[in-house]
Amino acid sequence: MSDYIVKPERPGGFLDFLPADYLAREKMLKTIETVFRQFGFDPIETPRIEFKKILAGETSDTGKNIFHIKQSDNDNEPLALPFDHTVPFARILAANPYNPKSKTGIRLPWRRMVVGPVFRSDNPQHGRFRQFYQFDADIAGTSSMMADAEIVALMVRTMEALDVSNFQIRLNNRKLLNGLSLLCKIDDRLSISHENIVYEMMRILDKLDKIGKKAVFQELRRAPESPDDPAPHLSDDAISKIAAFLDIQGTNDEKIHACEKLFNNIEIAMTGITELKEIFTYLTAMNVSLKQVSVDLSIARGLDYYTGPVMEMALLDAPQFGSVFSGGRYNNLVSRFTGKELPAVGASIGVDRLFAALKHLKLIDHAQQTVADVMIIRIAPDRDADYLSMANQLRSANVSTEICLVEDTTFKRQFNYAISRGVRFVVICGENEFDQNKVQVKNLETRKQIELDVEMLVDYMVQETSKERR
């Protein structure tokens, strides 16, 4: 044995999931997947490692959050861990165009879903992790706002399936923010494009909930410190226009009408307003409650690839967890790989953040501590082969069964262990039962006990374990 003892710790921002949490999260994921399948989303899987060039966007801000993989000198192409599922999705779309002759590739429009870990090199904090699961749903190959409305409806239906009622989806359109940049007369600079300055403005606006208006306006006024610094450096007049935009209040219709007056002559903003109107029309057609969907002109979404409607969902009884389900339209992301625009829209659940929020709200059931439904306790010292045979018969009938391997074979010790493991049923068969070809089954949920002929055990357990846990 080594004298060197390693402290059993994990890095900050990474989580362990022990059985109770893992099984509860698995149940949550199955509920989500059921809803996504109802909307027709096809499951896929992408690698945990991508080429860095695939992930890195045009702005340096995206690259800051990427985990880079240190490689040997012989590896020429830098690798990295994906920070979301959207960029790998764009790669898949670009790499698999539909071929009508061979009928291979991806036929558009296409709905896809994916669940798995993503990685961000952030500072870990409450509700924010460096490795976390995301569950994404995206529709590619259509510019119709029907797709955007379906994504919003999917968000609503998913929360309803999880028995969450008190939530709010905040909806905006990046085209309004692009129109705002024109209203503010943001100009190109010699060393940096108008697009990068506008993205920086949106990135700053996206921090409104975290740092407040005063700090946001201060950042928007900041002068560039170097030729490639995208600081907006807005004038007081521009700041007053942004303040007027953010101060728009009222019902959804009143906010949209106010935006129409503000952006009267700005085409891109008027297009964004029309898109929002269409989304609400389609949501009404799908019988989605508009009380839970509101226009929020402060929503920007921090990533640089969004081009149209954007949405964020928060749980109103757990606001400290921030957005748990968010997304938007990104029509230009695939063009990074093909040079051609391919319209797409989608949203992503921050699975671990949502799970933490639902635990906080006591909406997660931790009753299941183990996958085993049945435990056979060993109280006849010389009957281990018979216990194994019994377990084998139950497993062959698809009944999840564990044999108690506690070395102390007293009834009390074995039975208490079964209780501590959280199984639903205990099979008790001592020497007397073996002699009489009988078996006792104790239901730990109802506390009822029944005696059966051994030949009846499998059929009985198949029937009982098919019932829902209490």
Protein backbone atom coordinates (compact mmCIF):
# COMPACT_ATOMS: atom_id res chain seq x y z
CA MET A 1 0.00 0.00 0.00
CA SER A 2 1.31 3.43 -0.95
CA ASP A 3 2.09 5.97 1.77
CA TYR A 4 1.00 8.72 -0.60
CA ILE A 5 -2.66 9.62 -0.01
CA VAL A 6 -4.53 11.55 -2.70
CA LYS A 7 -7.27 13.84 -1.47
CA PRO A 8 -10.55 12.64 -3.07
CA GLU A 9 -11.70 16.00 -4.41
CA ARG A 10 -13.12 17.16 -7.74
CA PRO A 11 -12.49 20.43 -9.58
CA GLY A 12 -14.88 23.32 -9.01
CA GLY A 13 -17.76 23.53 -11.45
CA PHE A 14 -17.94 19.75 -11.97
CA LEU A 15 -20.55 17.52 -10.34
CA ASP A 16 -20.86 13.94 -9.13
CA PHE A 17 -24.27 12.30 -9.39
CA LEU A 18 -24.81 9.50 -6.89
CA PRO A 19 -27.66 7.01 -7.48
CA ALA A 20 -30.55 8.99 -5.93
CA ASP A 21 -29.74 12.13 -7.93
CA TYR A 22 -28.75 10.21 -11.04
CA LEU A 23 -32.01 8.24 -11.12
CA ALA A 24 -34.10 11.34 -10.40
CA ARG A 25 -32.32 13.25 -13.17
CA GLU A 26 -32.74 10.27 -15.51
CA LYS A 27 -36.49 10.35 -14.84
CA MET A 28 -36.54 14.08 -15.61
CA LEU A 29 -34.64 13.50 -18.87
CA LYS A 30 -37.07 10.78 -19.93
CA THR A 31 -39.97 13.17 -19.36
CA ILE A 32 -38.25 15.82 -21.46
CA GLU A 33 -37.44 13.34 -24.22
CA THR A 34 -41.06 12.18 -24.34
CA VAL A 35 -42.22 15.75 -25.01
CA PHE A 36 -39.49 16.34 -27.61
CA ARG A 37 -40.50 13.15 -29.42
CA GLN A 38 -44.13 14.32 -29.43
CA PHE A 39 -42.92 17.31 -31.45
CA GLY A 40 -41.10 15.00 -33.89
CA PHE A 41 -37.46 15.65 -32.96
CA ASP A 42 -34.98 12.95 -34.07
CA PRO A 43 -32.22 11.94 -31.59
CA ILE A 44 -28.55 12.20 -32.57
CA GLU A 45 -25.17 12.14 -30.82
CA THR A 46 -22.02 14.15 -31.51
CA PRO A 47 -18.43 13.69 -30.22
CA ARG A 48 -17.23 15.02 -26.88
CA ILE A 49 -14.21 16.46 -28.73
CA GLU A 50 -14.23 18.76 -31.77
CA PHE A 51 -11.61 20.60 -33.76
CA LYS A 52 -11.05 23.99 -32.16
CA LYS A 53 -11.59 25.72 -35.51
CA ILE A 54 -15.12 24.26 -35.60
CA LEU A 55 -16.03 25.75 -32.24
CA ALA A 56 -14.27 29.13 -32.32
CA GLY A 57 -16.41 31.93 -33.68
CA GLU A 58 -15.38 35.15 -35.32
CA THR A 59 -15.44 37.02 -32.01
CA SER A 60 -12.74 36.51 -29.43
CA ASP A 61 -15.38 36.38 -26.69
CA THR A 62 -16.60 32.93 -27.75
CA GLY A 63 -13.08 31.53 -27.62
CA LYS A 64 -12.60 32.64 -24.02
CA ASN A 65 -15.04 29.99 -22.78
CA ILE A 66 -13.55 27.05 -24.68
CA PHE A 67 -11.69 24.25 -22.91
CA HIS A 68 -8.61 23.52 -25.03
CA ILE A 69 -7.07 20.05 -25.12
CA LYS A 70 -3.32 19.84 -24.63
CA GLN A 71 -1.87 17.52 -27.25
CA SER A 72 1.46 16.06 -28.21
CA ASP A 73 3.68 17.91 -30.67
CA ASN A 74 2.70 15.41 -33.37
CA ASP A 75 -0.92 16.55 -33.35
CA ASN A 76 -1.23 19.43 -35.79
CA GLU A 77 -4.91 20.32 -35.52
CA PRO A 78 -5.91 21.85 -32.14
CA LEU A 79 -8.79 20.13 -30.37
CA ALA A 80 -11.30 21.45 -27.84
CA LEU A 81 -14.37 20.48 -25.83
CA PRO A 82 -17.71 21.71 -27.22
CA PHE A 83 -19.31 24.58 -25.29
CA ASP A 84 -22.78 23.81 -26.67
CA HIS A 85 -24.57 21.40 -29.01
CA THR A 86 -25.53 24.03 -31.59
CA VAL A 87 -22.16 24.44 -33.30
CA PRO A 88 -21.66 20.65 -33.71
CA PHE A 89 -25.22 20.57 -35.11
CA ALA A 90 -24.24 23.17 -37.69
CA ARG A 91 -21.19 21.06 -38.59
CA ILE A 92 -23.40 18.00 -39.09
CA LEU A 93 -25.76 19.96 -41.34
CA ALA A 94 -22.85 21.25 -43.43
CA ALA A 95 -21.20 17.82 -43.68
CA ASN A 96 -24.35 15.92 -44.67
CA PRO A 97 -26.19 17.79 -47.45
CA TYR A 98 -29.08 15.90 -48.99
CA ASN A 99 -28.30 14.14 -52.28
CA PRO A 100 -31.54 13.58 -54.23
CA LYS A 101 -29.94 10.99 -56.52
CA SER A 102 -28.61 8.69 -53.80
CA LYS A 103 -31.23 9.85 -51.27
CA THR A 104 -28.52 10.18 -48.64
CA GLY A 105 -27.75 13.01 -46.25
CA ILE A 106 -30.12 15.18 -44.25
CA ARG A 107 -33.46 16.06 -45.81
CA LEU A 108 -34.53 19.57 -44.83
CA PRO A 109 -36.41 20.84 -42.93
CA TRP A 110 -35.11 18.62 -40.12
CA ARG A 111 -35.85 18.46 -36.41
CA ARG A 112 -33.15 17.07 -34.15
CA MET A 113 -32.65 16.64 -30.43
CA VAL A 114 -29.49 15.84 -28.54
CA VAL A 115 -28.59 15.45 -24.88
CA GLY A 116 -25.12 15.28 -23.40
CA PRO A 117 -22.38 17.18 -21.55
CA VAL A 118 -20.91 20.47 -22.73
CA PHE A 119 -17.96 22.36 -21.27
CA ARG A 120 -17.31 26.03 -20.54
CA SER A 121 -14.20 27.51 -19.01
CA ASP A 122 -16.19 29.81 -16.71
CA ASN A 123 -15.71 30.73 -13.09
CA PRO A 124 -17.98 28.27 -11.24
CA GLN A 125 -20.72 29.82 -9.12
CA HIS A 126 -24.22 29.08 -7.84
CA GLY A 127 -26.17 27.39 -10.65
CA ARG A 128 -23.27 27.76 -13.11
CA PHE A 129 -21.04 24.79 -13.88
CA ARG A 130 -18.04 24.07 -16.09
CA GLN A 131 -19.37 20.71 -17.23
CA PHE A 132 -23.10 20.38 -17.52
CA TYR A 133 -25.71 18.55 -19.51
CA GLN A 134 -27.74 20.31 -22.16
CA PHE A 135 -30.85 18.98 -23.87
CA ASP A 136 -31.32 20.69 -27.23
CA ALA A 137 -34.09 20.78 -29.81
CA ASP A 138 -33.52 22.49 -33.16
CA ILE A 139 -35.35 22.88 -36.46
CA ALA A 140 -33.13 23.50 -39.50
CA GLY A 141 -34.01 24.42 -43.06
CA THR A 142 -36.92 26.84 -42.66
CA SER A 143 -37.24 30.59 -42.13
CA SER A 144 -40.91 30.28 -41.16
CA MET A 145 -41.81 31.71 -37.78
CA MET A 146 -43.93 28.58 -37.36
CA ALA A 147 -40.69 26.86 -36.35
CA ASP A 148 -39.87 29.55 -33.78
CA ALA A 149 -43.39 29.30 -32.38
CA GLU A 150 -43.07 25.51 -32.14
CA ILE A 151 -39.86 25.92 -30.13
CA VAL A 152 -41.67 28.25 -27.71
CA ALA A 153 -44.59 25.80 -27.50
CA LEU A 154 -42.10 23.00 -26.84
CA MET A 155 -40.68 24.99 -23.92
CA VAL A 156 -44.15 25.42 -22.44
CA ARG A 157 -45.18 21.78 -22.91
CA THR A 158 -41.93 20.55 -21.38
CA MET A 159 -42.46 22.55 -18.20
CA GLU A 160 -46.05 21.36 -17.98
CA ALA A 161 -44.86 17.73 -18.26
CA LEU A 162 -42.43 18.38 -15.39
CA ASP A 163 -45.31 19.76 -13.27
CA VAL A 164 -43.80 23.25 -13.30
CA SER A 165 -46.47 25.93 -13.62
CA ASN A 166 -44.90 29.16 -12.42
CA PHE A 167 -42.48 30.06 -15.21
CA GLN A 168 -42.05 32.86 -17.71
CA ILE A 169 -40.66 32.81 -21.25
CA ARG A 170 -39.18 36.16 -22.24
CA LEU A 171 -39.11 36.79 -25.97
CA ASN A 172 -37.21 39.35 -28.04
CA ASN A 173 -35.73 39.65 -31.53
CA ARG A 174 -32.09 40.40 -32.31
CA LYS A 175 -33.34 42.37 -35.31
CA LEU A 176 -34.76 44.92 -32.89
CA LEU A 177 -31.34 45.24 -31.30
CA ASN A 178 -29.74 45.58 -34.73
CA GLY A 179 -32.29 48.30 -35.42
CA LEU A 180 -31.35 49.91 -32.11
CA SER A 181 -27.72 50.06 -33.24
CA LEU A 182 -28.82 51.92 -36.37
CA LEU A 183 -30.94 54.24 -34.25
CA CYS A 184 -27.83 54.92 -32.15
CA LYS A 185 -25.76 55.51 -35.31
CA ILE A 186 -22.95 53.07 -34.49
CA ASP A 187 -20.27 53.55 -37.14
CA ASP A 188 -17.50 51.34 -38.49
CA ARG A 189 -13.95 51.90 -37.32
CA LEU A 190 -10.83 51.38 -39.37
CA SER A 191 -9.72 48.27 -37.47
CA ILE A 192 -13.03 46.77 -36.35
CA SER A 193 -16.33 46.12 -38.11
CA HIS A 194 -19.76 47.51 -37.35
CA GLU A 195 -20.89 43.90 -36.78
CA ASN A 196 -18.37 43.33 -33.99
CA ILE A 197 -19.26 46.59 -32.27
CA VAL A 198 -22.97 45.73 -32.46
CA TYR A 199 -22.27 42.27 -31.03
CA GLU A 200 -20.37 43.89 -28.15
CA MET A 201 -23.36 46.16 -27.53
CA MET A 202 -25.64 43.10 -27.39
CA ARG A 203 -23.24 41.27 -25.11
CA ILE A 204 -23.31 44.21 -22.70
CA LEU A 205 -27.11 44.48 -22.85
CA ASP A 206 -27.30 40.76 -22.04
CA LYS A 207 -25.75 41.55 -18.63
CA LEU A 208 -28.61 43.86 -17.67
CA ASP A 209 -30.14 41.43 -15.14
CA LYS A 210 -26.75 40.83 -13.51
CA ILE A 211 -25.25 44.31 -13.24
CA GLY A 212 -28.18 46.71 -13.71
CA LYS A 213 -28.83 49.65 -16.05
CA LYS A 214 -26.27 52.04 -14.57
CA ALA A 215 -23.37 49.63 -15.05
CA VAL A 216 -24.63 48.62 -18.51
CA PHE A 217 -24.80 52.24 -19.65
CA GLN A 218 -21.33 52.84 -18.23
CA GLU A 219 -19.95 49.95 -20.31
CA LEU A 220 -21.78 51.19 -23.41
CA ARG A 221 -20.13 54.61 -23.00
CA ARG A 222 -16.64 53.11 -22.61
CA ALA A 223 -14.08 54.28 -25.15
CA PRO A 224 -11.90 51.68 -26.92
CA GLU A 225 -8.53 51.08 -25.28
CA SER A 226 -6.87 49.69 -28.41
CA PRO A 227 -7.55 49.61 -32.16
CA ASP A 228 -9.18 46.17 -31.95
CA ASP A 229 -11.26 46.93 -28.82
CA PRO A 230 -14.98 46.69 -29.81
CA ALA A 231 -16.12 49.03 -27.00
CA PRO A 232 -19.31 50.76 -28.32
CA HIS A 233 -18.31 54.24 -27.04
CA LEU A 234 -21.90 55.48 -27.34
CA SER A 235 -22.91 59.11 -26.98
CA ASP A 236 -25.34 60.39 -24.35
CA ASP A 237 -27.95 60.74 -27.11
CA ALA A 238 -27.49 57.07 -28.08
CA ILE A 239 -27.70 56.00 -24.43
CA SER A 240 -30.97 57.92 -24.03
CA LYS A 241 -32.42 56.05 -27.03
CA ILE A 242 -31.38 52.70 -25.54
CA ALA A 243 -32.90 53.74 -22.20
CA ALA A 244 -36.17 54.65 -23.94
CA PHE A 245 -36.15 51.25 -25.67
CA LEU A 246 -35.55 49.36 -22.42
CA ASP A 247 -38.20 51.40 -20.59
CA ILE A 248 -41.00 50.23 -22.91
CA GLN A 249 -43.64 48.56 -20.72
CA GLY A 250 -47.18 47.21 -21.00
CA THR A 251 -48.85 44.19 -22.51
CA ASN A 252 -47.22 42.29 -25.36
CA ASP A 253 -49.36 44.19 -27.87
CA GLU A 254 -48.52 47.53 -26.23
CA LYS A 255 -44.78 46.78 -26.30
CA ILE A 256 -44.91 45.77 -29.96
CA HIS A 257 -46.90 48.91 -30.84
CA ALA A 258 -44.37 51.09 -28.99
CA CYS A 259 -41.53 49.43 -30.93
CA GLU A 260 -43.35 50.13 -34.20
CA LYS A 261 -43.41 53.83 -33.31
CA LEU A 262 -39.75 53.83 -32.19
CA PHE A 263 -38.40 51.99 -35.25
CA ASN A 264 -40.76 53.58 -37.75
CA ASN A 265 -38.23 53.89 -40.59
CA ILE A 266 -35.77 51.11 -39.75
CA GLU A 267 -36.47 48.11 -41.98
CA ILE A 268 -34.61 45.40 -40.07
CA ALA A 269 -36.36 46.30 -36.81
CA MET A 270 -39.77 46.35 -38.50
CA THR A 271 -39.04 42.86 -39.87
CA GLY A 272 -38.27 41.73 -36.32
CA ILE A 273 -41.56 43.18 -35.07
CA THR A 274 -43.48 41.34 -37.81
CA GLU A 275 -41.76 38.10 -36.79
CA LEU A 276 -42.79 38.56 -33.15
CA LYS A 277 -46.39 39.14 -34.23
CA GLU A 278 -46.33 35.94 -36.28
CA ILE A 279 -44.99 33.94 -33.35
CA PHE A 280 -47.83 35.10 -31.09
CA THR A 281 -50.38 34.27 -33.80
CA TYR A 282 -49.02 30.72 -34.09
CA LEU A 283 -48.82 30.27 -30.31
CA THR A 284 -52.50 31.18 -30.06
CA ALA A 285 -53.27 28.59 -32.76
CA MET A 286 -51.48 25.95 -30.64
CA ASN A 287 -53.47 26.96 -27.56
CA VAL A 288 -50.34 28.08 -25.70
CA SER A 289 -51.12 30.34 -22.76
CA LEU A 290 -49.70 33.77 -23.59
CA LYS A 291 -49.67 34.65 -19.89
CA GLN A 292 -46.42 32.69 -19.69
CA VAL A 293 -44.84 34.29 -22.79
CA SER A 294 -43.92 37.96 -22.67
CA VAL A 295 -42.00 40.37 -24.87
CA ASP A 296 -38.90 41.46 -22.98
CA LEU A 297 -36.78 43.94 -24.89
CA SER A 298 -33.79 43.45 -22.57
CA ILE A 299 -33.22 39.85 -23.73
CA ALA A 300 -30.19 39.72 -26.03
CA ARG A 301 -28.60 36.25 -25.56
CA GLY A 302 -24.84 36.42 -25.23
CA LEU A 303 -23.72 34.16 -28.09
CA ASP A 304 -22.84 35.85 -31.36
CA TYR A 305 -24.64 33.52 -33.76
CA TYR A 306 -28.25 34.56 -33.05
CA THR A 307 -29.93 36.45 -35.90
CA GLY A 308 -33.65 36.65 -35.09
CA PRO A 309 -36.08 35.79 -32.29
CA VAL A 310 -34.43 34.88 -28.97
CA MET A 311 -36.06 33.44 -25.89
CA GLU A 312 -35.24 32.71 -22.26
CA MET A 313 -37.22 30.87 -19.61
CA ALA A 314 -36.93 31.44 -15.87
CA LEU A 315 -38.68 29.72 -12.98
CA LEU A 316 -40.43 32.50 -11.08
CA ASP A 317 -40.19 30.67 -7.74
CA ALA A 318 -36.44 30.10 -8.20
CA PRO A 319 -35.12 33.21 -9.99
CA GLN A 320 -31.65 32.74 -8.49
CA PHE A 321 -31.03 29.91 -10.97
CA GLY A 322 -31.42 32.23 -13.96
CA SER A 323 -32.42 30.96 -17.37
CA VAL A 324 -33.07 27.20 -17.47
CA PHE A 325 -34.32 26.89 -21.07
CA SER A 326 -33.21 29.31 -23.76
CA GLY A 327 -32.41 29.70 -27.43
CA GLY A 328 -33.23 31.52 -30.61
CA ARG A 329 -32.87 31.72 -34.36
CA TYR A 330 -29.46 31.44 -36.02
CA ASN A 331 -29.57 31.68 -39.82
CA ASN A 332 -25.86 32.18 -40.48
CA LEU A 333 -24.10 29.57 -38.35
CA VAL A 334 -23.86 26.90 -41.06
CA SER A 335 -22.39 29.46 -43.49
CA ARG A 336 -19.16 29.25 -41.48
CA PHE A 337 -18.69 25.81 -43.07
CA THR A 338 -20.43 26.18 -46.45
CA GLY A 339 -20.49 29.86 -47.33
CA LYS A 340 -24.28 29.57 -47.66
CA GLU A 341 -27.00 30.62 -45.26
CA LEU A 342 -29.12 27.84 -43.75
CA PRO A 343 -31.93 29.04 -41.47
CA ALA A 344 -32.36 27.29 -38.12
CA VAL A 345 -33.91 27.85 -34.72
CA GLY A 346 -33.66 25.97 -31.45
CA ALA A 347 -33.56 26.01 -27.69
CA SER A 348 -31.53 24.29 -25.01
CA ILE A 349 -32.30 23.13 -21.49
CA GLY A 350 -29.53 23.58 -18.95
CA VAL A 351 -30.24 20.15 -17.47
CA ASP A 352 -28.13 20.43 -14.32
CA ARG A 353 -29.34 23.96 -13.60
CA LEU A 354 -32.96 22.93 -14.13
CA PHE A 355 -32.44 19.86 -11.93
CA ALA A 356 -30.93 21.99 -9.17
CA ALA A 357 -33.84 24.43 -9.42
CA LEU A 358 -36.45 21.65 -9.30
CA LYS A 359 -34.70 20.14 -6.26
CA HIS A 360 -34.85 23.56 -4.60
CA LEU A 361 -38.59 23.71 -5.38
CA LYS A 362 -39.05 20.16 -4.02
CA LEU A 363 -40.32 18.97 -7.41
CA ILE A 364 -37.76 16.16 -7.64
CA ASP A 365 -38.69 12.75 -6.23
CA HIS A 366 -35.73 11.05 -4.55
CA ALA A 367 -37.75 8.02 -3.43
CA GLN A 368 -35.82 5.76 -5.77
CA GLN A 369 -32.36 5.09 -4.33
CA THR A 370 -31.48 2.15 -6.58
CA VAL A 371 -32.48 0.61 -9.90
CA ALA A 372 -33.18 -2.69 -8.14
CA ASP A 373 -36.84 -3.40 -7.43
CA VAL A 374 -36.21 -6.63 -5.55
CA MET A 375 -33.63 -7.74 -3.02
CA ILE A 376 -33.17 -11.37 -2.06
CA ILE A 377 -31.81 -11.60 1.47
CA ARG A 378 -29.54 -14.51 2.40
CA ILE A 379 -30.55 -15.96 5.76
CA ALA A 380 -29.89 -19.65 5.02
CA PRO A 381 -26.09 -20.02 5.27
CA ASP A 382 -25.65 -22.88 2.80
CA ARG A 383 -28.20 -21.85 0.16
CA ASP A 384 -26.24 -19.26 -1.85
CA ALA A 385 -26.51 -21.32 -5.06
CA ASP A 386 -30.31 -21.45 -4.62
CA TYR A 387 -30.46 -17.69 -4.04
CA LEU A 388 -28.45 -17.11 -7.23
CA SER A 389 -30.79 -19.41 -9.17
CA MET A 390 -33.79 -17.48 -7.83
CA ALA A 391 -32.21 -14.16 -8.83
CA ASN A 392 -31.41 -15.49 -12.29
CA GLN A 393 -35.05 -16.47 -12.88
CA LEU A 394 -36.26 -13.00 -11.86
CA ARG A 395 -33.66 -11.23 -14.00
CA SER A 396 -34.57 -13.42 -16.98
CA ALA A 397 -38.13 -12.09 -16.59
CA ASN A 398 -36.76 -8.51 -16.67
CA VAL A 399 -37.21 -7.95 -12.94
CA SER A 400 -34.32 -5.86 -11.58
CA THR A 401 -32.98 -7.98 -8.72
CA GLU A 402 -30.13 -7.65 -6.24
CA ILE A 403 -28.82 -10.31 -3.88
CA CYS A 404 -27.80 -9.02 -0.47
CA LEU A 405 -24.05 -9.60 -0.21
CA VAL A 406 -23.69 -8.35 3.36
CA GLU A 407 -21.48 -10.90 5.12
CA ASP A 408 -23.59 -10.90 8.29
CA THR A 409 -26.44 -13.28 7.35
CA THR A 410 -28.68 -12.55 10.32
CA PHE A 411 -32.22 -11.56 9.32
CA LYS A 412 -32.07 -8.16 11.05
CA ARG A 413 -28.81 -7.12 9.37
CA GLN A 414 -29.88 -8.30 5.93
CA PHE A 415 -33.37 -6.80 6.17
CA ASN A 416 -32.11 -3.42 7.42
CA TYR A 417 -29.66 -3.31 4.53
CA ALA A 418 -32.51 -3.92 2.08
CA ILE A 419 -34.44 -1.02 3.61
CA SER A 420 -31.40 1.26 3.42
CA ARG A 421 -30.94 0.44 -0.29
CA GLY A 422 -34.45 1.65 -1.10
CA VAL A 423 -35.70 -1.47 -2.88
CA ARG A 424 -39.45 -1.97 -3.16
CA PHE A 425 -39.63 -5.68 -2.37
CA VAL A 426 -37.68 -8.09 -0.17
CA VAL A 427 -37.70 -11.80 -0.93
CA ILE A 428 -37.29 -13.86 2.25
CA CYS A 429 -36.47 -17.53 1.98
CA GLY A 430 -34.93 -19.32 4.96
CA GLU A 431 -34.46 -23.02 5.61
CA ASN A 432 -38.13 -23.49 6.56
CA GLU A 433 -39.30 -21.84 3.33
CA PHE A 434 -36.88 -23.90 1.24
CA ASP A 435 -38.13 -27.11 2.92
CA GLN A 436 -41.76 -26.19 2.16
CA ASN A 437 -41.04 -24.84 -1.36
CA LYS A 438 -42.37 -21.45 -0.25
CA VAL A 439 -41.12 -17.87 -0.31
CA GLN A 440 -42.10 -14.70 1.61
CA VAL A 441 -42.34 -11.36 -0.24
CA LYS A 442 -42.38 -8.12 1.77
CA ASN A 443 -43.59 -4.94 0.06
CA LEU A 444 -41.59 -2.15 1.74
CA GLU A 445 -43.90 0.56 0.37
CA THR A 446 -47.15 -0.90 1.75
CA ARG A 447 -45.55 -3.00 4.55
CA LYS A 448 -47.67 -5.95 3.44
CA GLN A 449 -46.18 -9.45 3.32
CA ILE A 450 -47.36 -12.43 1.33
CA GLU A 451 -46.38 -16.11 1.19
CA LEU A 452 -46.12 -17.74 -2.24
CA ASP A 453 -45.20 -21.05 -3.78
CA VAL A 454 -41.71 -20.67 -5.24
CA GLU A 455 -43.09 -21.37 -8.75
CA MET A 456 -45.36 -18.29 -8.43
CA LEU A 457 -42.58 -15.87 -7.48
CA VAL A 458 -41.56 -14.76 -10.97
CA ASP A 459 -45.10 -14.09 -12.24
CA TYR A 460 -45.99 -12.26 -9.02
CA MET A 461 -42.91 -10.03 -9.13
CA VAL A 462 -43.40 -9.24 -12.84
CA GLN A 463 -46.92 -8.07 -12.04
CA GLU A 464 -46.01 -6.09 -8.91
CA THR A 465 -42.90 -4.35 -10.24
CA SER A 466 -44.82 -3.13 -13.30
CA LYS A 467 -46.82 -0.84 -11.00
CA GLU A 468 -45.69 2.74 -10.42
CA ARG A 469 -43.53 3.46 -7.39
CA ARG A 470 -45.35 5.23 -4.60
